[in-house]
Amino acid sequence: MTDYTGVAPKPLLKAQKLANLLDTSIRIPVINFRIGLDALVGLIPGAGDVIMLLVSLRIVHLGKQLGLPRGLLKVMLRNCLLDFGLGFIPVVGDIADFFYKANQANVRIMEKYWVSNNKAAIDQRARELLDNWKAAQ
């Protein structure tokens, strides 16, 4: 386990950015609903879903770099494959892609794992930042 002293590690930050791009980067005006490249590229029959699966697997790889246990990596992989499988159902799959945010779910798994394993360092970092802020007042 790498000690990140309360600062989010690069694999987690990269996964967060990628999941945002894939799942929530575009706001649809009027209805205030967010979609990402996964929903748009997934509209391309066959190839779009394969491309998005490969990109989604990058988040699983980042989870492995973060040190997630095999069981959590399997859950993340299952999320990717479910999203991929839904994409092959005509029309219904495209609609499901707008609502099922597998990449965001996978990043939440990564975040929960990292926070649970680094809580003391995160708390210490927060105390230091608060003390610095109070001293500056």
C-alpha atoms as a PDB file:
ATOM      1  CA  MET A   1       0.000   0.000   0.000  1.00  0.00           C
ATOM      2  CA  THR A   2       1.474   3.319  -1.044  1.00  0.00           C
ATOM      3  CA  ASP A   3       1.212   6.159   1.473  1.00  0.00           C
ATOM      4  CA  TYR A   4      -0.268   9.222  -0.200  1.00  0.00           C
ATOM      5  CA  THR A   5      -0.329  11.280   3.017  1.00  0.00           C
ATOM      6  CA  GLY A   6      -3.944  12.308   2.616  1.00  0.00           C
ATOM      7  CA  VAL A   7      -3.598  13.514  -0.975  1.00  0.00           C
ATOM      8  CA  ALA A   8      -5.489  11.621  -3.676  1.00  0.00           C
ATOM      9  CA  PRO A   9      -3.143   9.464  -5.790  1.00  0.00           C
ATOM     10  CA  LYS A  10      -2.652  10.010  -9.513  1.00  0.00           C
ATOM     11  CA  PRO A  11      -4.442   6.792 -10.596  1.00  0.00           C
ATOM     12  CA  LEU A  12      -7.561   7.885  -8.695  1.00  0.00           C
ATOM     13  CA  LEU A  13      -7.443  11.431 -10.073  1.00  0.00           C
ATOM     14  CA  LYS A  14      -7.004  10.100 -13.624  1.00  0.00           C
ATOM     15  CA  ALA A  15      -9.914   7.695 -13.167  1.00  0.00           C
ATOM     16  CA  GLN A  16     -12.132  10.519 -11.867  1.00  0.00           C
ATOM     17  CA  LYS A  17     -11.353  12.699 -14.889  1.00  0.00           C
ATOM     18  CA  LEU A  18     -11.885   9.846 -17.331  1.00  0.00           C
ATOM     19  CA  ALA A  19     -15.185   8.785 -15.721  1.00  0.00           C
ATOM     20  CA  ASN A  20     -16.411  12.369 -15.855  1.00  0.00           C
ATOM     21  CA  LEU A  21     -15.524  12.598 -19.546  1.00  0.00           C
ATOM     22  CA  LEU A  22     -17.228   9.291 -20.307  1.00  0.00           C
ATOM     23  CA  ASP A  23     -20.345   9.641 -18.156  1.00  0.00           C
ATOM     24  CA  THR A  24     -21.152  13.245 -17.218  1.00  0.00           C
ATOM     25  CA  SER A  25     -19.148  15.776 -19.229  1.00  0.00           C
ATOM     26  CA  ILE A  26     -22.031  17.154 -21.323  1.00  0.00           C
ATOM     27  CA  ARG A  27     -25.055  18.873 -19.780  1.00  0.00           C
ATOM     28  CA  ILE A  28     -28.250  18.683 -21.775  1.00  0.00           C
ATOM     29  CA  PRO A  29     -29.912  22.101 -21.453  1.00  0.00           C
ATOM     30  CA  VAL A  30     -33.497  22.521 -20.295  1.00  0.00           C
ATOM     31  CA  ILE A  31     -33.774  19.056 -18.686  1.00  0.00           C
ATOM     32  CA  ASN A  32     -30.484  19.513 -16.765  1.00  0.00           C
ATOM     33  CA  PHE A  33     -29.332  15.938 -17.432  1.00  0.00           C
ATOM     34  CA  ARG A  34     -25.691  14.982 -17.891  1.00  0.00           C
ATOM     35  CA  ILE A  35     -24.293  12.494 -20.382  1.00  0.00           C
ATOM     36  CA  GLY A  36     -20.795  11.762 -21.595  1.00  0.00           C
ATOM     37  CA  LEU A  37     -18.870  10.374 -24.503  1.00  0.00           C
ATOM     38  CA  ASP A  38     -19.909   6.837 -23.576  1.00  0.00           C
ATOM     39  CA  ALA A  39     -23.541   7.566 -24.442  1.00  0.00           C
ATOM     40  CA  LEU A  40     -22.632   9.436 -27.645  1.00  0.00           C
ATOM     41  CA  VAL A  41     -19.954   7.131 -29.038  1.00  0.00           C
ATOM     42  CA  GLY A  42     -22.102   4.169 -27.991  1.00  0.00           C
ATOM     43  CA  LEU A  43     -24.635   5.262 -30.618  1.00  0.00           C
ATOM     44  CA  ILE A  44     -22.224   4.026 -33.311  1.00  0.00           C
ATOM     45  CA  PRO A  45     -23.395   0.439 -33.901  1.00  0.00           C
ATOM     46  CA  GLY A  46     -20.930  -2.203 -32.680  1.00  0.00           C
ATOM     47  CA  ALA A  47     -17.695  -0.240 -32.908  1.00  0.00           C
ATOM     48  CA  GLY A  48     -18.851   2.479 -30.520  1.00  0.00           C
ATOM     49  CA  ASP A  49     -19.547  -0.009 -27.760  1.00  0.00           C
ATOM     50  CA  VAL A  50     -16.213  -1.780 -28.286  1.00  0.00           C
ATOM     51  CA  ILE A  51     -14.305   1.521 -28.178  1.00  0.00           C
ATOM     52  CA  MET A  52     -16.080   2.573 -24.986  1.00  0.00           C
ATOM     53  CA  LEU A  53     -15.419  -0.825 -23.384  1.00  0.00           C
ATOM     54  CA  LEU A  54     -11.703  -0.424 -24.047  1.00  0.00           C
ATOM     55  CA  VAL A  55     -11.711   3.063 -22.540  1.00  0.00           C
ATOM     56  CA  SER A  56     -13.734   1.851 -19.535  1.00  0.00           C
ATOM     57  CA  LEU A  57     -11.197  -0.924 -18.975  1.00  0.00           C
ATOM     58  CA  ARG A  58      -8.595   1.825 -18.513  1.00  0.00           C
ATOM     59  CA  ILE A  59     -10.407   2.785 -15.298  1.00  0.00           C
ATOM     60  CA  VAL A  60     -10.216  -0.844 -14.131  1.00  0.00           C
ATOM     61  CA  HIS A  61      -6.481  -0.769 -14.895  1.00  0.00           C
ATOM     62  CA  LEU A  62      -6.130   2.420 -12.845  1.00  0.00           C
ATOM     63  CA  GLY A  63      -7.925   0.605 -10.019  1.00  0.00           C
ATOM     64  CA  LYS A  64      -5.331  -2.141 -10.241  1.00  0.00           C
ATOM     65  CA  GLN A  65      -2.566   0.481 -10.082  1.00  0.00           C
ATOM     66  CA  LEU A  66      -4.238   1.890  -6.970  1.00  0.00           C
ATOM     67  CA  GLY A  67      -3.964  -1.545  -5.360  1.00  0.00           C
ATOM     68  CA  LEU A  68      -7.613  -2.578  -5.278  1.00  0.00           C
ATOM     69  CA  PRO A  69      -8.148  -6.173  -4.234  1.00  0.00           C
ATOM     70  CA  ARG A  70      -9.127  -8.731  -6.845  1.00  0.00           C
ATOM     71  CA  GLY A  71     -12.754  -8.862  -5.635  1.00  0.00           C
ATOM     72  CA  LEU A  72     -13.282  -5.136  -6.226  1.00  0.00           C
ATOM     73  CA  LEU A  73     -11.575  -5.333  -9.615  1.00  0.00           C
ATOM     74  CA  LYS A  74     -14.014  -8.114 -10.549  1.00  0.00           C
ATOM     75  CA  VAL A  75     -16.960  -5.906  -9.566  1.00  0.00           C
ATOM     76  CA  MET A  76     -15.532  -3.088 -11.683  1.00  0.00           C
ATOM     77  CA  LEU A  77     -15.044  -5.448 -14.616  1.00  0.00           C
ATOM     78  CA  ARG A  78     -18.618  -6.694 -14.222  1.00  0.00           C
ATOM     79  CA  ASN A  79     -19.853  -3.073 -14.374  1.00  0.00           C
ATOM     80  CA  CYS A  80     -17.914  -2.555 -17.628  1.00  0.00           C
ATOM     81  CA  LEU A  81     -19.240  -5.746 -19.175  1.00  0.00           C
ATOM     82  CA  LEU A  82     -22.818  -4.947 -18.163  1.00  0.00           C
ATOM     83  CA  ASP A  83     -22.528  -1.518 -19.771  1.00  0.00           C
ATOM     84  CA  PHE A  84     -20.996  -3.136 -22.865  1.00  0.00           C
ATOM     85  CA  GLY A  85     -23.693  -5.806 -23.049  1.00  0.00           C
ATOM     86  CA  LEU A  86     -26.509  -3.281 -22.711  1.00  0.00           C
ATOM     87  CA  GLY A  87     -25.076  -1.404 -25.673  1.00  0.00           C
ATOM     88  CA  PHE A  88     -25.833  -4.293 -28.011  1.00  0.00           C
ATOM     89  CA  ILE A  89     -29.590  -4.137 -27.411  1.00  0.00           C
ATOM     90  CA  PRO A  90     -30.994  -1.913 -30.169  1.00  0.00           C
ATOM     91  CA  VAL A  91     -32.603   1.331 -28.936  1.00  0.00           C
ATOM     92  CA  VAL A  92     -33.060   0.045 -25.366  1.00  0.00           C
ATOM     93  CA  GLY A  93     -29.289  -0.272 -25.004  1.00  0.00           C
ATOM     94  CA  ASP A  94     -28.740   3.268 -26.223  1.00  0.00           C
ATOM     95  CA  ILE A  95     -31.319   4.586 -23.768  1.00  0.00           C
ATOM     96  CA  ALA A  96     -29.792   2.539 -20.944  1.00  0.00           C
ATOM     97  CA  ASP A  97     -26.409   4.068 -21.781  1.00  0.00           C
ATOM     98  CA  PHE A  98     -27.801   7.476 -20.888  1.00  0.00           C
ATOM     99  CA  PHE A  99     -28.735   6.312 -17.380  1.00  0.00           C
ATOM    100  CA  TYR A 100     -26.296   3.548 -16.397  1.00  0.00           C
ATOM    101  CA  LYS A 101     -23.027   5.233 -15.453  1.00  0.00           C
ATOM    102  CA  ALA A 102     -20.661   2.274 -15.056  1.00  0.00           C
ATOM    103  CA  ASN A 103     -17.532   4.427 -15.059  1.00  0.00           C
ATOM    104  CA  GLN A 104     -18.834   6.643 -12.267  1.00  0.00           C
ATOM    105  CA  ALA A 105     -19.769   3.521 -10.290  1.00  0.00           C
ATOM    106  CA  ASN A 106     -16.262   2.147 -10.752  1.00  0.00           C
ATOM    107  CA  VAL A 107     -14.659   5.379  -9.595  1.00  0.00           C
ATOM    108  CA  ARG A 108     -16.875   5.360  -6.480  1.00  0.00           C
ATOM    109  CA  ILE A 109     -15.526   1.873  -5.732  1.00  0.00           C
ATOM    110  CA  MET A 110     -11.990   3.221  -6.069  1.00  0.00           C
ATOM    111  CA  GLU A 111     -12.737   6.270  -3.912  1.00  0.00           C
ATOM    112  CA  LYS A 112     -14.332   4.245  -1.116  1.00  0.00           C
ATOM    113  CA  TYR A 113     -11.422   1.816  -1.094  1.00  0.00           C
ATOM    114  CA  TRP A 114      -8.808   4.567  -1.015  1.00  0.00           C
ATOM    115  CA  VAL A 115     -10.572   6.622   1.663  1.00  0.00           C
ATOM    116  CA  SER A 116     -11.110   3.574   3.880  1.00  0.00           C
ATOM    117  CA  ASN A 117      -7.409   2.724   3.652  1.00  0.00           C
ATOM    118  CA  ASN A 118      -6.121   6.281   4.112  1.00  0.00           C
ATOM    119  CA  LYS A 119      -8.586   7.794   6.588  1.00  0.00           C
ATOM    120  CA  ALA A 120      -5.969   8.688   9.209  1.00  0.00           C
ATOM    121  CA  ALA A 121      -3.764  10.465   6.659  1.00  0.00           C
ATOM    122  CA  ILE A 122      -6.768  12.285   5.159  1.00  0.00           C
ATOM    123  CA  ASP A 123      -7.903  13.430   8.612  1.00  0.00           C
ATOM    124  CA  GLN A 124      -4.388  14.593   9.488  1.00  0.00           C
ATOM    125  CA  ARG A 125      -4.115  16.523   6.217  1.00  0.00           C
ATOM    126  CA  ALA A 126      -7.500  18.165   6.854  1.00  0.00           C
ATOM    127  CA  ARG A 127      -6.407  19.181  10.375  1.00  0.00           C
ATOM    128  CA  GLU A 128      -3.192  20.683   8.981  1.00  0.00           C
ATOM    129  CA  LEU A 129      -5.077  22.663   6.344  1.00  0.00           C
ATOM    130  CA  LEU A 130      -7.570  23.891   8.939  1.00  0.00           C
ATOM    131  CA  ASP A 131      -4.765  24.919  11.308  1.00  0.00           C
ATOM    132  CA  ASN A 132      -2.997  26.773   8.475  1.00  0.00           C
ATOM    133  CA  TRP A 133      -6.244  28.528   7.559  1.00  0.00           C
ATOM    134  CA  LYS A 134      -6.869  29.544  11.185  1.00  0.00           C
ATOM    135  CA  ALA A 135      -3.313  30.837  11.510  1.00  0.00           C
ATOM    136  CA  ALA A 136      -3.760  32.999   8.403  1.00  0.00           C
ATOM    137  CA  GLN A 137      -6.909  34.657   9.836  1.00  0.00           C
END
